[in-house]
């Protein structure tokens, strides 16, 4: 069963989840779910993946967050 991103964010398990991507993609369908622990590990991502990250401290570390966003942006152009 496929669900959209906005539906996934409404699930009880996701109640403490913080969306850091743009809201314009909330209607996108989730094909896969990927949990990434290592920031450089994003290169295995494919279109339609719902990326969940833990342990990065991206909210508190602006430099780390910009690096992560840069990696994601570069990956999307591949």
PDB file of N, CA and C in Angstrom:
ATOM      1  N   UNK A   1       0.839  -1.173   0.000  1.00  0.00           N
ATOM      2  CA  UNK A   1       0.000   0.000   0.000  1.00  0.00           C
ATOM      3  C   UNK A   1       0.889   1.242   0.000  1.00  0.00           C
ATOM      4  N   UNK A   2       0.763   2.074  -0.990  1.00  0.00           N
ATOM      5  CA  UNK A   2       1.518   3.319  -1.073  1.00  0.00           C
ATOM      6  C   UNK A   2       0.740   4.444  -0.393  1.00  0.00           C
ATOM      7  N   UNK A   3       1.478   5.359   0.218  1.00  0.00           N
ATOM      8  CA  UNK A   3       0.857   6.534   0.821  1.00  0.00           C
ATOM      9  C   UNK A   3       1.659   7.778   0.401  1.00  0.00           C
ATOM     10  N   UNK A   4       1.042   8.914   0.568  1.00  0.00           N
ATOM     11  CA  UNK A   4       1.710  10.172   0.250  1.00  0.00           C
ATOM     12  C   UNK A   4       2.478  10.667   1.482  1.00  0.00           C
ATOM     13  N   UNK A   5       3.412  11.555   1.242  1.00  0.00           N
ATOM     14  CA  UNK A   5       4.254  12.058   2.326  1.00  0.00           C
ATOM     15  C   UNK A   5       3.415  12.677   3.438  1.00  0.00           C
ATOM     16  N   UNK A   6       2.412  13.491   3.066  1.00  0.00           N
ATOM     17  CA  UNK A   6       1.606  14.129   4.110  1.00  0.00           C
ATOM     18  C   UNK A   6       0.875  13.087   4.961  1.00  0.00           C
ATOM     19  N   UNK A   7       0.494  11.957   4.364  1.00  0.00           N
ATOM     20  CA  UNK A   7      -0.169  10.886   5.120  1.00  0.00           C
ATOM     21  C   UNK A   7       0.810  10.212   6.079  1.00  0.00           C
ATOM     22  N   UNK A   8       2.026   9.997   5.613  1.00  0.00           N
ATOM     23  CA  UNK A   8       3.040   9.374   6.462  1.00  0.00           C
ATOM     24  C   UNK A   8       3.324  10.237   7.683  1.00  0.00           C
ATOM     25  N   UNK A   9       3.348  11.541   7.495  1.00  0.00           N
ATOM     26  CA  UNK A   9       3.632  12.442   8.601  1.00  0.00           C
ATOM     27  C   UNK A   9       2.495  12.499   9.626  1.00  0.00           C
ATOM     28  N   UNK A  10       1.313  12.007   9.265  1.00  0.00           N
ATOM     29  CA  UNK A  10       0.173  11.981  10.177  1.00  0.00           C
ATOM     30  C   UNK A  10       0.134  10.709  11.027  1.00  0.00           C
ATOM     31  N   UNK A  11       0.960   9.729  10.708  1.00  0.00           N
ATOM     32  CA  UNK A  11       0.971   8.471  11.460  1.00  0.00           C
ATOM     33  C   UNK A  11       1.451   8.720  12.891  1.00  0.00           C
ATOM     34  N   UNK A  12       0.873   8.009  13.872  1.00  0.00           N
ATOM     35  CA  UNK A  12       1.263   8.209  15.273  1.00  0.00           C
ATOM     36  C   UNK A  12       2.777   8.067  15.504  1.00  0.00           C
ATOM     37  N   UNK A  13       3.420   7.151  14.832  1.00  0.00           N
ATOM     38  CA  UNK A  13       4.855   6.928  15.011  1.00  0.00           C
ATOM     39  C   UNK A  13       5.685   8.132  14.560  1.00  0.00           C
ATOM     40  N   UNK A  14       5.103   8.962  13.705  1.00  0.00           N
ATOM     41  CA  UNK A  14       5.814  10.117  13.150  1.00  0.00           C
ATOM     42  C   UNK A  14       5.484  11.415  13.876  1.00  0.00           C
ATOM     43  N   UNK A  15       4.805  11.328  14.991  1.00  0.00           N
ATOM     44  CA  UNK A  15       4.302  12.522  15.666  1.00  0.00           C
ATOM     45  C   UNK A  15       5.398  13.502  16.090  1.00  0.00           C
ATOM     46  N   UNK A  16       6.598  13.030  16.354  1.00  0.00           N
ATOM     47  CA  UNK A  16       7.689  13.931  16.745  1.00  0.00           C
ATOM     48  C   UNK A  16       8.620  14.253  15.581  1.00  0.00           C
ATOM     49  N   UNK A  17       8.244  13.832  14.384  1.00  0.00           N
ATOM     50  CA  UNK A  17       9.051  14.074  13.194  1.00  0.00           C
ATOM     51  C   UNK A  17       8.970  15.531  12.782  1.00  0.00           C
ATOM     52  N   UNK A  18      10.102  16.073  12.340  1.00  0.00           N
ATOM     53  CA  UNK A  18      10.147  17.455  11.861  1.00  0.00           C
ATOM     54  C   UNK A  18      10.483  17.438  10.377  1.00  0.00           C
ATOM     55  N   UNK A  19       9.640  18.033   9.571  1.00  0.00           N
ATOM     56  CA  UNK A  19       9.855  18.129   8.140  1.00  0.00           C
ATOM     57  C   UNK A  19      10.872  19.232   7.865  1.00  0.00           C
ATOM     58  N   UNK A  20      11.952  18.889   7.162  1.00  0.00           N
ATOM     59  CA  UNK A  20      12.950  19.905   6.832  1.00  0.00           C
ATOM     60  C   UNK A  20      12.982  20.206   5.341  1.00  0.00           C
ATOM     61  N   UNK A  21      12.264  19.444   4.559  1.00  0.00           N
ATOM     62  CA  UNK A  21      12.198  19.684   3.117  1.00  0.00           C
ATOM     63  C   UNK A  21      11.097  20.701   2.822  1.00  0.00           C
ATOM     64  N   UNK A  22      11.048  21.130   1.580  1.00  0.00           N
ATOM     65  CA  UNK A  22       9.980  22.041   1.180  1.00  0.00           C
ATOM     66  C   UNK A  22       8.639  21.332   1.232  1.00  0.00           C
ATOM     67  N   UNK A  23       7.603  22.087   1.545  1.00  0.00           N
ATOM     68  CA  UNK A  23       6.268  21.512   1.666  1.00  0.00           C
ATOM     69  C   UNK A  23       5.627  21.211   0.319  1.00  0.00           C
ATOM     70  N   UNK A  24       6.207  21.703  -0.779  1.00  0.00           N
ATOM     71  CA  UNK A  24       5.589  21.473  -2.081  1.00  0.00           C
ATOM     72  C   UNK A  24       5.588  20.001  -2.488  1.00  0.00           C
ATOM     73  N   UNK A  25       6.386  19.176  -1.852  1.00  0.00           N
ATOM     74  CA  UNK A  25       6.438  17.757  -2.186  1.00  0.00           C
ATOM     75  C   UNK A  25       5.557  16.878  -1.313  1.00  0.00           C
ATOM     76  N   UNK A  26       4.749  17.470  -0.450  1.00  0.00           N
ATOM     77  CA  UNK A  26       3.927  16.674   0.474  1.00  0.00           C
ATOM     78  C   UNK A  26       2.931  15.761  -0.228  1.00  0.00           C
ATOM     79  N   UNK A  27       2.572  16.070  -1.462  1.00  0.00           N
ATOM     80  CA  UNK A  27       1.624  15.243  -2.218  1.00  0.00           C
ATOM     81  C   UNK A  27       2.326  14.069  -2.923  1.00  0.00           C
ATOM     82  N   UNK A  28       3.660  14.041  -2.887  1.00  0.00           N
ATOM     83  CA  UNK A  28       4.401  12.975  -3.567  1.00  0.00           C
ATOM     84  C   UNK A  28       4.130  11.622  -2.928  1.00  0.00           C
ATOM     85  N   UNK A  29       4.104  10.588  -3.781  1.00  0.00           N
ATOM     86  CA  UNK A  29       3.938   9.218  -3.314  1.00  0.00           C
ATOM     87  C   UNK A  29       5.260   8.694  -2.776  1.00  0.00           C
ATOM     88  N   UNK A  30       5.204   7.912  -1.725  1.00  0.00           N
ATOM     89  CA  UNK A  30       6.391   7.264  -1.170  1.00  0.00           C
ATOM     90  C   UNK A  30       6.493   5.883  -1.795  1.00  0.00           C
ATOM     91  N   UNK A  31       7.614   5.618  -2.445  1.00  0.00           N
ATOM     92  CA  UNK A  31       7.862   4.301  -3.034  1.00  0.00           C
ATOM     93  C   UNK A  31       8.707   3.443  -2.101  1.00  0.00           C
ATOM     94  N   UNK A  32       9.632   4.080  -1.392  1.00  0.00           N
ATOM     95  CA  UNK A  32      10.555   3.405  -0.489  1.00  0.00           C
ATOM     96  C   UNK A  32      10.787   4.285   0.722  1.00  0.00           C
ATOM     97  N   UNK A  33      11.229   3.686   1.799  1.00  0.00           N
ATOM     98  CA  UNK A  33      11.635   4.443   2.984  1.00  0.00           C
ATOM     99  C   UNK A  33      13.096   4.120   3.244  1.00  0.00           C
ATOM    100  N   UNK A  34      13.890   5.166   3.471  1.00  0.00           N
ATOM    101  CA  UNK A  34      15.307   4.984   3.748  1.00  0.00           C
ATOM    102  C   UNK A  34      15.658   5.747   5.018  1.00  0.00           C
ATOM    103  N   UNK A  35      16.347   5.065   5.918  1.00  0.00           N
ATOM    104  CA  UNK A  35      16.839   5.696   7.134  1.00  0.00           C
ATOM    105  C   UNK A  35      18.349   5.791   6.993  1.00  0.00           C
ATOM    106  N   UNK A  36      18.862   7.004   7.104  1.00  0.00           N
ATOM    107  CA  UNK A  36      20.287   7.251   6.901  1.00  0.00           C
ATOM    108  C   UNK A  36      20.923   7.690   8.211  1.00  0.00           C
ATOM    109  N   UNK A  37      21.993   7.034   8.584  1.00  0.00           N
ATOM    110  CA  UNK A  37      22.739   7.389   9.783  1.00  0.00           C
ATOM    111  C   UNK A  37      23.994   8.181   9.452  1.00  0.00           C
ATOM    112  N   UNK A  38      24.559   7.970   8.282  1.00  0.00           N
ATOM    113  CA  UNK A  38      25.812   8.618   7.891  1.00  0.00           C
ATOM    114  C   UNK A  38      25.507   9.607   6.780  1.00  0.00           C
ATOM    115  N   UNK A  39      25.920  10.846   6.955  1.00  0.00           N
ATOM    116  CA  UNK A  39      25.552  11.910   6.029  1.00  0.00           C
ATOM    117  C   UNK A  39      25.961  11.616   4.590  1.00  0.00           C
ATOM    118  N   UNK A  40      27.080  10.976   4.353  1.00  0.00           N
ATOM    119  CA  UNK A  40      27.536  10.675   3.001  1.00  0.00           C
ATOM    120  C   UNK A  40      26.769   9.521   2.364  1.00  0.00           C
ATOM    121  N   UNK A  41      25.920   8.880   3.120  1.00  0.00           N
ATOM    122  CA  UNK A  41      25.210   7.694   2.654  1.00  0.00           C
ATOM    123  C   UNK A  41      24.026   8.022   1.748  1.00  0.00           C
ATOM    124  N   UNK A  42      23.775   9.284   1.451  1.00  0.00           N
ATOM    125  CA  UNK A  42      22.606   9.666   0.664  1.00  0.00           C
ATOM    126  C   UNK A  42      22.727   9.293  -0.803  1.00  0.00           C
ATOM    127  N   UNK A  43      23.904   8.895  -1.255  1.00  0.00           N
ATOM    128  CA  UNK A  43      24.100   8.597  -2.670  1.00  0.00           C
ATOM    129  C   UNK A  43      23.356   7.348  -3.126  1.00  0.00           C
ATOM    130  N   UNK A  44      22.861   6.559  -2.221  1.00  0.00           N
ATOM    131  CA  UNK A  44      22.087   5.377  -2.620  1.00  0.00           C
ATOM    132  C   UNK A  44      20.602   5.687  -2.801  1.00  0.00           C
ATOM    133  N   UNK A  45      20.206   6.932  -2.559  1.00  0.00           N
ATOM    134  CA  UNK A  45      18.801   7.323  -2.684  1.00  0.00           C
ATOM    135  C   UNK A  45      18.339   7.322  -4.132  1.00  0.00           C
ATOM    136  N   UNK A  46      17.054   7.030  -4.305  1.00  0.00           N
ATOM    137  CA  UNK A  46      16.442   7.047  -5.627  1.00  0.00           C
ATOM    138  C   UNK A  46      15.137   7.834  -5.557  1.00  0.00           C
ATOM    139  N   UNK A  47      14.619   8.216  -6.718  1.00  0.00           N
ATOM    140  CA  UNK A  47      13.354   8.952  -6.760  1.00  0.00           C
ATOM    141  C   UNK A  47      12.271   8.191  -6.012  1.00  0.00           C
ATOM    142  N   UNK A  48      11.450   8.925  -5.272  1.00  0.00           N
ATOM    143  CA  UNK A  48      10.333   8.326  -4.562  1.00  0.00           C
ATOM    144  C   UNK A  48      10.676   7.813  -3.176  1.00  0.00           C
ATOM    145  N   UNK A  49      11.911   8.001  -2.741  1.00  0.00           N
ATOM    146  CA  UNK A  49      12.289   7.538  -1.410  1.00  0.00           C
ATOM    147  C   UNK A  49      11.931   8.588  -0.365  1.00  0.00           C
ATOM    148  N   UNK A  50      11.442   8.134   0.744  1.00  0.00           N
ATOM    149  CA  UNK A  50      11.123   8.973   1.896  1.00  0.00           C
ATOM    150  C   UNK A  50      12.311   8.855   2.834  1.00  0.00           C
ATOM    151  N   UNK A  51      13.077   9.911   2.948  1.00  0.00           N
ATOM    152  CA  UNK A  51      14.311   9.891   3.725  1.00  0.00           C
ATOM    153  C   UNK A  51      14.056  10.284   5.161  1.00  0.00           C
ATOM    154  N   UNK A  52      14.460   9.419   6.071  1.00  0.00           N
ATOM    155  CA  UNK A  52      14.380   9.687   7.501  1.00  0.00           C
ATOM    156  C   UNK A  52      15.809   9.693   8.024  1.00  0.00           C
ATOM    157  N   UNK A  53      16.180  10.745   8.715  1.00  0.00           N
ATOM    158  CA  UNK A  53      17.517  10.816   9.281  1.00  0.00           C
ATOM    159  C   UNK A  53      17.432  10.909  10.794  1.00  0.00           C
ATOM    160  N   UNK A  54      18.416  10.335  11.462  1.00  0.00           N
ATOM    161  CA  UNK A  54      18.478  10.399  12.919  1.00  0.00           C
ATOM    162  C   UNK A  54      19.913  10.658  13.352  1.00  0.00           C
ATOM    163  N   UNK A  55      20.065  11.362  14.447  1.00  0.00           N
ATOM    164  CA  UNK A  55      21.387  11.529  15.032  1.00  0.00           C
ATOM    165  C   UNK A  55      22.296  12.538  14.375  1.00  0.00           C
ATOM    166  N   UNK A  56      21.815  13.289  13.424  1.00  0.00           N
ATOM    167  CA  UNK A  56      22.687  14.258  12.772  1.00  0.00           C
ATOM    168  C   UNK A  56      22.842  15.555  13.560  1.00  0.00           C
ATOM    169  N   UNK A  57      21.854  15.929  14.308  1.00  0.00           N
ATOM    170  CA  UNK A  57      21.877  17.219  14.979  1.00  0.00           C
ATOM    171  C   UNK A  57      21.776  18.358  13.975  1.00  0.00           C
ATOM    172  N   UNK A  58      21.092  18.096  12.877  1.00  0.00           N
ATOM    173  CA  UNK A  58      21.016  19.088  11.804  1.00  0.00           C
ATOM    174  C   UNK A  58      20.289  20.354  12.224  1.00  0.00           C
ATOM    175  N   UNK A  59      19.364  20.237  13.135  1.00  0.00           N
ATOM    176  CA  UNK A  59      18.619  21.411  13.578  1.00  0.00           C
ATOM    177  C   UNK A  59      19.478  22.389  14.358  1.00  0.00           C
ATOM    178  N   UNK A  60      20.455  21.883  15.075  1.00  0.00           N
ATOM    179  CA  UNK A  60      21.307  22.736  15.901  1.00  0.00           C
ATOM    180  C   UNK A  60      22.574  23.166  15.177  1.00  0.00           C
ATOM    181  N   UNK A  61      22.978  22.460  14.134  1.00  0.00           N
ATOM    182  CA  UNK A  61      24.240  22.728  13.461  1.00  0.00           C
ATOM    183  C   UNK A  61      23.984  23.198  12.029  1.00  0.00           C
ATOM    184  N   UNK A  62      23.985  24.502  11.831  1.00  0.00           N
ATOM    185  CA  UNK A  62      23.669  25.088  10.530  1.00  0.00           C
ATOM    186  C   UNK A  62      24.643  24.618   9.450  1.00  0.00           C
ATOM    187  N   UNK A  63      25.920  24.537   9.774  1.00  0.00           N
ATOM    188  CA  UNK A  63      26.933  24.109   8.799  1.00  0.00           C
ATOM    189  C   UNK A  63      26.667  22.676   8.325  1.00  0.00           C
ATOM    190  N   UNK A  64      26.372  21.782   9.273  1.00  0.00           N
ATOM    191  CA  UNK A  64      26.084  20.395   8.929  1.00  0.00           C
ATOM    192  C   UNK A  64      24.814  20.297   8.074  1.00  0.00           C
ATOM    193  N   UNK A  65      23.819  21.094   8.431  1.00  0.00           N
ATOM    194  CA  UNK A  65      22.557  21.074   7.688  1.00  0.00           C
ATOM    195  C   UNK A  65      22.767  21.561   6.255  1.00  0.00           C
ATOM    196  N   UNK A  66      23.533  22.629   6.066  1.00  0.00           N
ATOM    197  CA  UNK A  66      23.811  23.129   4.719  1.00  0.00           C
ATOM    198  C   UNK A  66      24.578  22.095   3.904  1.00  0.00           C
ATOM    199  N   UNK A  67      25.518  21.400   4.537  1.00  0.00           N
ATOM    200  CA  UNK A  67      26.271  20.346   3.847  1.00  0.00           C
ATOM    201  C   UNK A  67      25.330  19.227   3.391  1.00  0.00           C
ATOM    202  N   UNK A  68      24.421  18.837   4.284  1.00  0.00           N
ATOM    203  CA  UNK A  68      23.468  17.777   3.971  1.00  0.00           C
ATOM    204  C   UNK A  68      22.549  18.197   2.828  1.00  0.00           C
ATOM    205  N   UNK A  69      22.036  19.438   2.879  1.00  0.00           N
ATOM    206  CA  UNK A  69      21.163  19.946   1.817  1.00  0.00           C
ATOM    207  C   UNK A  69      21.909  20.018   0.482  1.00  0.00           C
ATOM    208  N   UNK A  70      23.182  20.396   0.529  1.00  0.00           N
ATOM    209  CA  UNK A  70      24.004  20.456  -0.678  1.00  0.00           C
ATOM    210  C   UNK A  70      24.166  19.060  -1.288  1.00  0.00           C
ATOM    211  N   UNK A  71      24.429  18.066  -0.442  1.00  0.00           N
ATOM    212  CA  UNK A  71      24.555  16.690  -0.927  1.00  0.00           C
ATOM    213  C   UNK A  71      23.248  16.211  -1.566  1.00  0.00           C
ATOM    214  N   UNK A  72      22.126  16.497  -0.911  1.00  0.00           N
ATOM    215  CA  UNK A  72      20.831  16.087  -1.464  1.00  0.00           C
ATOM    216  C   UNK A  72      20.547  16.782  -2.788  1.00  0.00           C
ATOM    217  N   UNK A  73      20.835  18.065  -2.841  1.00  0.00           N
ATOM    218  CA  UNK A  73      20.604  18.837  -4.058  1.00  0.00           C
ATOM    219  C   UNK A  73      21.468  18.306  -5.196  1.00  0.00           C
ATOM    220  N   UNK A  74      22.728  18.024  -4.925  1.00  0.00           N
ATOM    221  CA  UNK A  74      23.640  17.492  -5.942  1.00  0.00           C
ATOM    222  C   UNK A  74      23.161  16.122  -6.408  1.00  0.00           C
ATOM    223  N   UNK A  75      22.661  15.326  -5.482  1.00  0.00           N
ATOM    224  CA  UNK A  75      22.169  13.984  -5.814  1.00  0.00           C
ATOM    225  C   UNK A  75      20.958  14.073  -6.742  1.00  0.00           C
ATOM    226  N   UNK A  76      20.098  15.040  -6.511  1.00  0.00           N
ATOM    227  CA  UNK A  76      18.894  15.191  -7.335  1.00  0.00           C
ATOM    228  C   UNK A  76      19.209  15.572  -8.776  1.00  0.00           C
ATOM    229  N   UNK A  77      20.383  16.111  -9.029  1.00  0.00           N
ATOM    230  CA  UNK A  77      20.766  16.495 -10.383  1.00  0.00           C
ATOM    231  C   UNK A  77      21.436  15.350 -11.136  1.00  0.00           C
ATOM    232  N   UNK A  78      21.734  14.257 -10.447  1.00  0.00           N
ATOM    233  CA  UNK A  78      22.406  13.123 -11.104  1.00  0.00           C
ATOM    234  C   UNK A  78      21.480  12.404 -12.053  1.00  0.00           C
TER     235      UNK A  78
END
